[in-house]
Protein backbone atom coordinates (compact mmCIF):
# COMPACT_ATOMS: atom_id res chain seq x y z
CA UNK A 1 150.72 114.98 122.57
CA UNK A 2 153.59 117.03 121.13
CA UNK A 3 152.42 120.43 122.47
CA UNK A 4 154.52 122.36 125.01
CA UNK A 5 151.49 124.32 126.24
CA UNK A 6 148.29 122.63 127.38
CA UNK A 7 145.23 124.73 128.17
CA UNK A 8 142.25 123.04 129.80
CA UNK A 9 139.59 125.69 130.28
CA UNK A 10 136.00 126.34 129.27
CA UNK A 11 136.14 130.15 129.12
CA UNK A 12 136.44 130.71 125.37
CA UNK A 13 137.50 134.38 125.50
CA UNK A 14 140.26 133.72 128.03
CA UNK A 15 141.45 130.63 126.17
CA UNK A 16 141.38 132.35 122.76
CA UNK A 17 143.50 135.23 124.08
CA UNK A 18 145.94 132.83 125.71
CA UNK A 19 146.28 130.71 122.56
CA UNK A 20 146.89 133.86 120.51
CA UNK A 21 149.66 134.92 122.89
CA UNK A 22 151.31 131.49 123.15
CA UNK A 23 151.37 130.73 119.44
CA UNK A 24 151.06 127.43 117.61
CA UNK A 25 152.54 124.96 120.10
CA UNK A 26 149.29 124.67 122.10
CA UNK A 27 146.90 121.81 122.83
CA UNK A 28 143.53 123.21 123.86
CA UNK A 29 140.75 121.34 125.66
CA UNK A 30 137.37 122.36 127.02
CA UNK A 31 136.65 118.84 128.25
CA UNK A 32 138.90 117.89 131.19
CA UNK A 33 138.28 114.17 130.69
CA UNK A 34 139.66 114.34 127.14
CA UNK A 35 142.62 116.31 128.48
CA UNK A 36 143.28 113.62 131.12
CA UNK A 37 143.40 111.00 128.40
CA UNK A 38 145.78 113.09 126.28
CA UNK A 39 148.05 113.91 129.24
CA UNK A 40 148.53 110.21 130.03
CA UNK A 41 150.97 109.96 127.14
CA UNK A 42 152.30 113.52 127.19
CA UNK A 43 156.07 113.84 127.19
CA UNK A 44 156.64 117.34 125.81
CA UNK A 45 154.28 119.34 128.03
CA UNK A 46 156.16 122.12 129.78
CA UNK A 47 153.24 124.37 130.78
CA UNK A 48 149.68 123.60 131.92
CA UNK A 49 146.93 126.17 132.42
CA UNK A 50 143.72 124.68 133.82
CA UNK A 51 140.63 125.42 135.83
CA UNK A 52 140.86 123.88 139.24
CA UNK A 53 137.19 122.90 139.21
CA UNK A 54 134.91 122.37 136.22
CA UNK A 55 131.12 122.41 135.88
CA UNK A 56 130.64 119.03 137.52
CA UNK A 57 132.14 120.51 140.73
CA UNK A 58 134.94 117.96 140.79
CA UNK A 59 138.52 119.26 141.20
CA UNK A 60 139.62 117.64 137.93
CA UNK A 61 142.29 120.33 137.51
CA UNK A 62 144.21 118.73 140.39
CA UNK A 63 144.18 115.39 138.60
CA UNK A 64 145.37 117.06 135.41
CA UNK A 65 148.23 118.70 137.29
CA UNK A 66 149.29 115.49 139.01
CA UNK A 67 149.20 113.55 135.76
CA UNK A 68 151.23 116.20 133.96
CA UNK A 69 153.74 116.25 136.83
CA UNK A 70 154.07 112.46 136.72
CA UNK A 71 155.01 112.65 133.04
CA UNK A 72 157.09 115.82 133.41
CA UNK A 73 158.14 116.71 136.99
CA UNK A 74 159.33 120.15 135.87
CA UNK A 75 155.99 121.19 134.31
CA UNK A 76 154.83 124.70 135.29
CA UNK A 77 151.15 124.93 136.25
CA UNK A 78 148.70 127.81 136.59
CA UNK A 79 145.24 127.12 138.01
CA UNK A 80 142.18 129.34 137.82
CA UNK A 81 139.36 128.85 140.28
CA UNK A 82 137.04 130.23 142.92
CA UNK A 83 139.01 132.13 145.58
CA UNK A 84 138.04 129.72 148.35
CA UNK A 85 139.89 126.90 146.54
CA UNK A 86 143.28 128.63 146.30
CA UNK A 87 144.79 126.39 148.99
CA UNK A 88 144.30 123.36 146.73
CA UNK A 89 146.92 124.77 144.37
CA UNK A 90 149.54 125.02 147.10
CA UNK A 91 152.60 122.99 146.22
CA UNK A 92 151.30 122.22 142.72
CA UNK A 93 151.33 125.55 140.95
CA UNK A 94 150.24 129.16 140.80
CA UNK A 95 146.65 130.34 141.26
CA UNK A 96 144.51 133.09 139.71
CA UNK A 97 141.09 133.72 141.25
CA UNK A 98 138.13 133.59 138.86
CA UNK A 99 136.51 135.18 137.04
CA UNK A 100 139.41 135.36 134.61
CA UNK A 101 139.41 137.71 131.67
CA UNK A 102 141.61 138.34 128.66
CA UNK A 103 143.50 140.84 130.84
CA UNK A 104 144.75 137.91 132.94
CA UNK A 105 146.70 136.49 129.98
CA UNK A 106 149.70 138.65 130.89
CA UNK A 107 149.56 137.33 134.43
CA UNK A 108 149.51 133.74 133.21
CA UNK A 109 152.55 134.43 131.03
CA UNK A 110 154.36 135.95 134.01
CA UNK A 111 153.44 133.11 136.38
CA UNK A 112 154.66 130.54 133.87
CA UNK A 113 157.95 132.42 133.70
CA UNK A 114 157.92 132.62 129.91
CA UNK A 115 160.45 134.78 128.12
CA UNK A 116 159.89 136.72 124.91
CA UNK A 117 162.07 134.14 123.16
CA UNK A 118 159.74 131.33 124.26
CA UNK A 119 156.83 133.30 122.84
CA UNK A 120 158.56 133.80 119.48
CA UNK A 121 155.84 131.90 117.60
CA UNK A 122 153.12 134.22 118.78
CA UNK A 123 151.91 137.24 116.84
CA UNK A 124 152.62 139.58 119.78
CA UNK A 125 156.00 138.84 121.33
CA UNK A 126 156.05 141.83 123.63
CA UNK A 127 154.93 141.44 127.23
CA UNK A 128 155.01 145.20 127.72
CA UNK A 129 151.34 145.58 126.79
CA UNK A 130 150.25 142.80 129.14
CA UNK A 131 149.35 143.70 132.72
CA UNK A 132 151.88 142.16 135.04
CA UNK A 133 149.81 142.22 138.22
CA UNK A 134 146.07 142.54 138.57
CA UNK A 135 144.05 141.63 141.62
CA UNK A 136 142.96 138.99 142.52
CA UNK A 137 146.17 137.09 141.82
CA UNK A 138 147.30 134.91 144.66
CA UNK A 139 150.83 133.58 144.46
CA UNK A 140 151.01 130.25 146.23
CA UNK A 141 154.39 129.04 147.37
CA UNK A 142 155.45 126.21 149.57
CA UNK A 143 157.14 127.09 152.85
CA UNK A 144 160.69 125.81 153.00
CA UNK A 145 161.74 124.12 156.28
């Protein structure tokens, strides 16, 4: 998979808005099992946005993150999920509580640490119009000893 951005999510409006913002270098999946298969051979993935838990109630997003990290230890990950599952993201990536909307796209961009230059393929390169902090965003960081 040659894409730098991988989105594994079943909310079409959120995913469409994110793909529009990120540009052409995106692999998009609604089926997490197909994404797992694709990530097994991924070597260029730099950013992963995924639901933590899909319709079958399994935390497949965690498996996606671990697989992406095995291929690329420096991959940046943003999870979306029910607020009670935010602790699962700890040490793996950032977390945005669901429901997510198109307004959360700016937050995802910020959490991934993307610059305007990295978004140069998108139609809208400016982050100024994107909200930079909207509740309920929970920033998960690992405590340093």
